[in-house]
Amino acid sequence: MTVNTNYDAIFTTTIENRSKKLADNVTKNNALLQRLSAKDKIRTVDGGSKILEELEYGNGDLVWYSGFDTISYSGPELFSAAEYALKLCAVPVAVSGEEMLKNAGTERMIDLFEKRIQNAEKTMANKISEALYSDGTGSSGKEIGGLKLLVADSPSTGTVGGINRATTGNEFWRNQSSVISSAAGALSSSTILKKMNDVYLACSRGTDKPDLIVTDDYLYDMFESALQPSQRFCDPKLADAGFQCLKYKGADVIFDGGQGGSCPSKHMYFLNTNYLYLRPHKDRNFKVIGGERLSINSDAIYKIIGWAGNLTMSNAALQGVLVDYIA
């Protein structure tokens, strides 16, 4: 057992006091999460084995008539639901008894704990931001399903939210995709705007349009070169948050590349964030798991900061991806 059990409460309290800040830091670390937070699209889950998103995909009956024509109702299927698994992740934070002895005194201990928790924050923020682009197969399928799953390069295959996209009748659940298939057709600064326009229009429905475009540094640089004669800068809120971005047809264009960038190479995602959600569990939203944890066979205090949830989607047809030729 640890020789400094009196510091366990300080450790736990320090983490709990920072849990909201930790959640904020994760959100601010990623442009997609920042946008979802700004639009109140981060919604907690109370419980259950699945996260459900209701889908409206059918059309009701409209009958043109005159006089005493019969107005019939056929009862078409209008609503369904996509279901997403609850995925869990955790970052351990530990302080040895020796470290506690060397940092005796309340203020010095809080400083030590703060440093460890700050490192956990960075780890959680970077790893969740990376997972937002995943296809859900990482860590033997335990990772959240990110954009490579929800807004797939090949949208007519695979199962998303429990709905098989390959099945006839499920075309509504396929995102828009434009994949350059040959080196001869590879994008350039003179062709990228036309291709972006094609995907943007395919993702538009009346006033429903992409509001966020996320890309890697390769395509962002190409887009910026094409746009430089008439550059428009993005939402000041995103710029103030530290994101480098431009505008395209009203949508903010964000680059998630450079060191630590997670966007897949030569990918550009056209996102309508009205239909994307981050769904954390209310009891596992960057909180300490299990309360008091003292190491059984070593002189240390050991805490685990946990998160559970998933990235979900309620409309696939209004999302899109542009993929340049990848050799």
Protein backbone atom coordinates (compact mmCIF):
# COMPACT_ATOMS: atom_id res chain seq x y z
CA MET A 1 0.00 0.00 0.00
CA THR A 2 1.11 3.57 -0.56
CA VAL A 3 2.67 5.34 2.43
CA ASN A 4 0.91 8.62 1.54
CA THR A 5 -2.79 7.82 1.56
CA ASN A 6 -3.61 11.37 2.68
CA TYR A 7 -2.69 12.58 -0.81
CA ASP A 8 -5.18 10.30 -2.52
CA ALA A 9 -8.06 12.69 -1.90
CA ILE A 10 -6.00 15.60 -3.27
CA PHE A 11 -5.18 13.57 -6.39
CA THR A 12 -8.82 12.63 -6.99
CA THR A 13 -10.09 16.15 -6.33
CA THR A 14 -7.49 17.65 -8.64
CA ILE A 15 -8.60 15.39 -11.49
CA GLU A 16 -12.30 15.98 -10.84
CA ASN A 17 -11.80 19.74 -10.72
CA ARG A 18 -10.12 19.57 -14.11
CA SER A 19 -12.58 17.17 -15.80
CA LYS A 20 -14.58 19.97 -17.45
CA LYS A 21 -11.38 21.66 -18.59
CA LEU A 22 -10.13 18.33 -19.91
CA ALA A 23 -13.32 17.91 -21.96
CA ASP A 24 -12.97 21.48 -23.27
CA ASN A 25 -9.34 20.91 -24.24
CA VAL A 26 -10.24 17.78 -26.21
CA THR A 27 -12.98 19.70 -28.04
CA LYS A 28 -10.71 22.63 -28.84
CA ASN A 29 -8.01 20.31 -30.14
CA ASN A 30 -10.07 19.29 -33.19
CA ALA A 31 -11.94 21.50 -35.66
CA LEU A 32 -14.78 19.00 -36.08
CA LEU A 33 -15.35 18.75 -32.33
CA GLN A 34 -15.08 22.52 -31.98
CA ARG A 35 -17.83 22.93 -34.56
CA LEU A 36 -20.01 20.24 -32.97
CA SER A 37 -19.59 21.91 -29.59
CA ALA A 38 -20.49 25.34 -31.00
CA LYS A 39 -23.67 23.88 -32.54
CA ASP A 40 -24.64 21.92 -29.40
CA LYS A 41 -24.08 18.62 -31.21
CA ILE A 42 -22.24 17.04 -28.29
CA ARG A 43 -25.04 15.15 -26.53
CA THR A 44 -24.52 12.86 -23.59
CA VAL A 45 -25.90 9.31 -23.37
CA ASP A 46 -27.65 8.26 -20.16
CA GLY A 47 -27.27 4.51 -20.58
CA GLY A 48 -28.02 1.48 -22.73
CA SER A 49 -25.84 -0.85 -24.73
CA LYS A 50 -26.27 1.14 -27.97
CA ILE A 51 -26.37 4.79 -29.03
CA LEU A 52 -29.39 5.42 -31.28
CA GLU A 53 -29.80 8.16 -33.88
CA GLU A 54 -33.26 8.47 -35.44
CA LEU A 55 -33.23 8.73 -39.22
CA GLU A 56 -35.82 10.42 -41.42
CA TYR A 57 -35.35 8.97 -44.87
CA GLY A 58 -38.77 8.40 -46.48
CA ASN A 59 -41.38 10.67 -48.02
CA GLY A 60 -44.96 10.90 -46.84
CA ASP A 61 -47.99 10.81 -49.13
CA LEU A 62 -48.89 13.89 -51.14
CA VAL A 63 -51.93 13.60 -53.43
CA TRP A 64 -53.00 16.09 -56.05
CA TYR A 65 -56.77 16.06 -56.20
CA SER A 66 -59.88 17.90 -57.26
CA GLY A 67 -63.47 17.77 -56.10
CA PHE A 68 -64.30 14.53 -54.27
CA ASP A 69 -61.25 12.52 -55.35
CA THR A 70 -60.14 9.93 -52.80
CA ILE A 71 -57.20 10.96 -50.63
CA SER A 72 -55.59 7.70 -49.55
CA TYR A 73 -52.79 6.96 -47.13
CA SER A 74 -50.48 4.07 -47.94
CA GLY A 75 -48.52 4.22 -44.68
CA PRO A 76 -44.96 4.38 -46.06
CA GLU A 77 -42.01 3.73 -43.77
CA LEU A 78 -40.65 7.18 -42.90
CA PHE A 79 -38.37 6.67 -39.93
CA SER A 80 -35.73 4.25 -38.77
CA ALA A 81 -32.73 4.44 -36.47
CA ALA A 82 -29.01 3.86 -36.73
CA GLU A 83 -27.36 2.23 -33.74
CA TYR A 84 -23.78 2.77 -32.67
CA ALA A 85 -21.75 0.80 -30.16
CA LEU A 86 -20.49 2.43 -26.99
CA LYS A 87 -16.68 2.59 -27.28
CA LEU A 88 -14.43 3.11 -24.26
CA CYS A 89 -10.96 4.52 -23.73
CA ALA A 90 -8.87 5.46 -20.72
CA VAL A 91 -5.61 7.15 -19.75
CA PRO A 92 -3.93 6.07 -16.50
CA VAL A 93 -2.33 8.65 -14.21
CA ALA A 94 0.03 7.47 -11.47
CA VAL A 95 2.25 9.02 -8.80
CA SER A 96 4.71 6.93 -6.81
CA GLY A 97 5.19 7.17 -3.06
CA GLU A 98 8.76 8.32 -3.60
CA GLU A 99 7.54 11.22 -5.76
CA MET A 100 5.03 12.16 -3.09
CA LEU A 101 7.70 12.18 -0.39
CA LYS A 102 9.95 14.38 -2.50
CA ASN A 103 7.06 16.75 -3.26
CA ALA A 104 5.67 16.96 0.26
CA GLY A 105 3.35 19.87 1.02
CA THR A 106 -0.10 20.46 -0.38
CA GLU A 107 0.84 23.07 -2.98
CA ARG A 108 3.79 21.05 -4.32
CA MET A 109 1.63 17.91 -4.55
CA ILE A 110 -1.08 19.74 -6.49
CA ASP A 111 1.57 21.01 -8.87
CA LEU A 112 2.84 17.46 -9.41
CA PHE A 113 -0.67 16.14 -9.95
CA GLU A 114 -1.47 19.00 -12.34
CA LYS A 115 1.53 18.13 -14.52
CA ARG A 116 0.53 14.49 -14.71
CA ILE A 117 -3.09 15.35 -15.50
CA GLN A 118 -2.03 17.87 -18.15
CA ASN A 119 -0.08 15.10 -19.85
CA ALA A 120 -3.17 12.87 -19.68
CA GLU A 121 -5.20 15.69 -21.23
CA LYS A 122 -2.81 15.97 -24.17
CA THR A 123 -2.82 12.21 -24.65
CA MET A 124 -6.63 12.02 -24.57
CA ALA A 125 -7.05 15.03 -26.88
CA ASN A 126 -4.58 13.76 -29.48
CA LYS A 127 -5.79 10.17 -29.48
CA ILE A 128 -9.49 11.05 -29.71
CA SER A 129 -8.74 13.57 -32.48
CA GLU A 130 -6.88 10.83 -34.34
CA ALA A 131 -9.73 8.35 -33.81
CA LEU A 132 -12.23 10.80 -35.34
CA TYR A 133 -10.77 9.86 -38.73
CA SER A 134 -10.69 6.11 -38.11
CA ASP A 135 -12.76 3.37 -39.72
CA GLY A 136 -13.56 1.78 -36.37
CA THR A 137 -11.32 -1.25 -36.80
CA GLY A 138 -8.44 0.01 -34.64
CA SER A 139 -7.58 -1.82 -31.42
CA SER A 140 -9.44 -4.90 -32.64
CA GLY A 141 -12.61 -2.92 -33.32
CA LYS A 142 -12.66 -1.15 -29.93
CA GLU A 143 -11.92 2.29 -31.40
CA ILE A 144 -14.69 4.75 -32.24
CA GLY A 145 -15.93 4.83 -35.82
CA GLY A 146 -14.66 8.06 -37.36
CA LEU A 147 -14.95 9.74 -40.74
CA LYS A 148 -13.37 6.88 -42.69
CA LEU A 149 -16.34 4.79 -41.57
CA LEU A 150 -19.17 7.34 -41.62
CA VAL A 151 -18.03 9.18 -44.77
CA ALA A 152 -16.38 6.31 -46.60
CA ASP A 153 -14.32 6.30 -49.78
CA SER A 154 -16.52 3.41 -50.96
CA PRO A 155 -19.97 4.27 -49.58
CA SER A 156 -21.88 1.41 -51.23
CA THR A 157 -20.18 -1.24 -49.10
CA GLY A 158 -19.98 -2.01 -45.41
CA THR A 159 -22.28 -1.55 -42.44
CA VAL A 160 -22.62 1.77 -40.61
CA GLY A 161 -24.83 2.23 -37.58
CA GLY A 162 -26.20 -1.28 -38.06
CA ILE A 163 -27.40 -0.51 -41.61
CA ASN A 164 -25.85 -2.41 -44.53
CA ARG A 165 -25.03 0.12 -47.23
CA ALA A 166 -24.79 -2.54 -49.91
CA THR A 167 -28.42 -3.58 -49.51
CA THR A 168 -30.90 -2.40 -52.16
CA GLY A 169 -33.17 0.17 -50.57
CA ASN A 170 -30.45 1.53 -48.31
CA GLU A 171 -29.06 3.94 -50.89
CA PHE A 172 -30.17 6.82 -48.64
CA TRP A 173 -27.47 5.74 -46.18
CA ARG A 174 -24.57 6.23 -48.61
CA ASN A 175 -22.42 9.34 -48.47
CA GLN A 176 -21.18 11.18 -51.56
CA SER A 177 -17.72 10.18 -52.78
CA SER A 178 -15.40 11.24 -55.59
CA VAL A 179 -12.20 9.19 -55.82
CA ILE A 180 -9.57 10.01 -58.45
CA SER A 181 -8.66 6.60 -59.83
CA SER A 182 -5.63 7.31 -62.02
CA ALA A 183 -2.46 9.37 -61.95
CA ALA A 184 -3.54 11.00 -65.19
CA GLY A 185 -6.54 12.53 -63.45
CA ALA A 186 -4.75 13.57 -60.25
CA LEU A 187 -5.84 16.89 -58.85
CA SER A 188 -3.93 20.13 -59.39
CA SER A 189 -4.45 23.76 -58.42
CA SER A 190 -6.18 24.27 -61.78
CA THR A 191 -8.67 21.39 -61.35
CA ILE A 192 -9.33 21.13 -57.61
CA LEU A 193 -12.04 23.81 -57.47
CA LYS A 194 -14.14 22.05 -60.10
CA LYS A 195 -13.89 18.73 -58.24
CA MET A 196 -14.69 20.42 -54.94
CA ASN A 197 -17.72 22.04 -56.55
CA ASP A 198 -18.98 18.65 -57.78
CA VAL A 199 -18.81 17.12 -54.29
CA TYR A 200 -20.21 20.23 -52.62
CA LEU A 201 -23.25 20.27 -54.89
CA ALA A 202 -23.80 16.53 -54.45
CA CYS A 203 -23.89 17.11 -50.68
CA SER A 204 -26.38 19.99 -50.92
CA ARG A 205 -30.16 19.82 -50.53
CA GLY A 206 -31.90 23.16 -50.66
CA THR A 207 -30.52 25.20 -47.80
CA ASP A 208 -28.79 22.13 -46.33
CA LYS A 209 -25.14 22.45 -47.35
CA PRO A 210 -21.72 21.46 -46.02
CA ASP A 211 -20.55 23.91 -43.37
CA LEU A 212 -17.15 22.37 -42.63
CA ILE A 213 -14.52 20.98 -45.01
CA VAL A 214 -11.58 19.17 -43.40
CA THR A 215 -8.53 18.12 -45.39
CA ASP A 216 -4.89 17.17 -45.10
CA ASP A 217 -2.04 19.59 -45.74
CA TYR A 218 -1.49 18.33 -49.32
CA LEU A 219 -4.98 19.21 -50.59
CA TYR A 220 -5.22 22.29 -48.37
CA ASP A 221 -2.06 23.70 -49.98
CA MET A 222 -3.47 22.91 -53.42
CA PHE A 223 -6.78 24.57 -52.55
CA GLU A 224 -5.03 27.64 -51.14
CA SER A 225 -2.92 28.00 -54.28
CA ALA A 226 -6.06 27.88 -56.42
CA LEU A 227 -7.81 30.40 -54.20
CA GLN A 228 -5.08 32.93 -53.53
CA PRO A 229 -6.29 35.55 -56.02
CA SER A 230 -9.56 35.79 -54.07
CA GLN A 231 -8.88 34.39 -50.61
CA ARG A 232 -11.59 34.55 -48.00
CA PHE A 233 -10.88 33.79 -44.40
CA CYS A 234 -12.98 31.62 -42.13
CA ASP A 235 -15.20 32.09 -39.13
CA PRO A 236 -13.33 34.28 -36.61
CA LYS A 237 -14.27 31.82 -33.84
CA LEU A 238 -12.26 29.08 -35.54
CA ALA A 239 -9.37 31.43 -36.23
CA ASP A 240 -9.38 32.59 -32.60
CA ALA A 241 -9.28 28.93 -31.53
CA GLY A 242 -6.03 28.56 -33.48
CA PHE A 243 -7.26 26.73 -36.58
CA GLN A 244 -5.84 27.77 -39.95
CA CYS A 245 -8.76 27.93 -42.34
CA LEU A 246 -10.28 29.54 -45.43
CA LYS A 247 -13.78 29.76 -46.90
CA TYR A 248 -15.33 27.83 -49.78
CA LYS A 249 -18.95 28.61 -50.72
CA GLY A 250 -19.69 29.55 -47.13
CA ALA A 251 -18.04 26.45 -45.62
CA ASP A 252 -14.94 26.72 -43.43
CA VAL A 253 -12.01 24.80 -44.92
CA ILE A 254 -9.70 23.45 -42.19
CA PHE A 255 -6.37 21.75 -42.63
CA ASP A 256 -5.63 18.93 -40.21
CA GLY A 257 -2.15 18.09 -41.39
CA GLY A 258 1.38 19.03 -40.45
CA GLN A 259 2.94 17.50 -37.36
CA GLY A 260 0.43 15.26 -35.66
CA GLY A 261 -2.23 15.87 -38.31
CA SER A 262 -4.72 13.04 -38.44
CA CYS A 263 -6.68 13.57 -41.66
CA PRO A 264 -5.97 10.70 -44.07
CA SER A 265 -3.55 11.54 -46.87
CA LYS A 266 -5.11 13.26 -49.91
CA HIS A 267 -8.61 13.26 -48.40
CA MET A 268 -11.02 16.19 -48.20
CA TYR A 269 -14.22 15.71 -46.17
CA PHE A 270 -17.33 17.81 -46.88
CA LEU A 271 -19.34 17.75 -43.66
CA ASN A 272 -22.80 18.93 -42.76
CA THR A 273 -22.39 19.06 -39.01
CA ASN A 274 -26.15 19.41 -38.46
CA TYR A 275 -26.21 15.61 -38.78
CA LEU A 276 -23.02 14.65 -36.93
CA TYR A 277 -22.83 14.18 -33.17
CA LEU A 278 -20.34 13.28 -30.49
CA ARG A 279 -22.21 11.15 -27.94
CA PRO A 280 -20.24 10.71 -24.70
CA HIS A 281 -21.71 8.77 -21.78
CA LYS A 282 -22.64 11.17 -18.97
CA ASP A 283 -20.87 9.02 -16.35
CA ARG A 284 -17.71 8.48 -18.37
CA ASN A 285 -17.02 11.88 -19.91
CA PHE A 286 -13.36 12.42 -18.92
CA LYS A 287 -14.05 11.34 -15.35
CA VAL A 288 -12.16 9.25 -12.83
CA ILE A 289 -13.11 5.59 -13.16
CA GLY A 290 -13.75 3.59 -10.02
CA GLY A 291 -13.16 6.26 -7.39
CA GLU A 292 -10.41 5.36 -4.89
CA ARG A 293 -7.63 3.29 -6.43
CA LEU A 294 -4.51 2.52 -4.40
CA SER A 295 -1.91 0.19 -5.84
CA ILE A 296 -2.08 -3.21 -4.15
CA ASN A 297 1.50 -4.32 -4.70
CA SER A 298 3.42 -1.05 -5.05
CA ASP A 299 3.85 2.28 -3.31
CA ALA A 300 1.76 4.43 -5.63
CA ILE A 301 -1.54 6.19 -6.22
CA TYR A 302 -3.12 5.09 -9.47
CA LYS A 303 -6.05 6.79 -11.18
CA ILE A 304 -7.75 6.21 -14.51
CA ILE A 305 -9.39 8.98 -16.53
CA GLY A 306 -12.05 7.43 -18.75
CA TRP A 307 -14.27 8.29 -21.68
CA ALA A 308 -17.03 6.33 -23.38
CA GLY A 309 -19.18 7.15 -26.40
CA ASN A 310 -18.97 7.36 -30.16
CA LEU A 311 -19.19 9.67 -33.16
CA THR A 312 -22.63 9.27 -34.75
CA MET A 313 -24.46 10.41 -37.86
CA SER A 314 -28.15 10.81 -38.74
CA ASN A 315 -27.83 11.67 -42.46
CA ALA A 316 -25.20 10.16 -44.76
CA ALA A 317 -26.30 11.54 -48.12
CA LEU A 318 -25.41 15.09 -47.08
CA GLN A 319 -21.80 14.15 -46.24
CA GLY A 320 -19.06 13.70 -48.82
CA VAL A 321 -15.40 13.00 -49.46
CA LEU A 322 -12.99 13.92 -52.26
CA VAL A 323 -9.97 11.63 -52.59
CA ASP A 324 -7.04 12.47 -54.84
CA TYR A 325 -5.19 9.71 -56.64
CA ILE A 326 -3.19 7.59 -54.17
CA ALA A 327 -0.53 5.41 -55.77
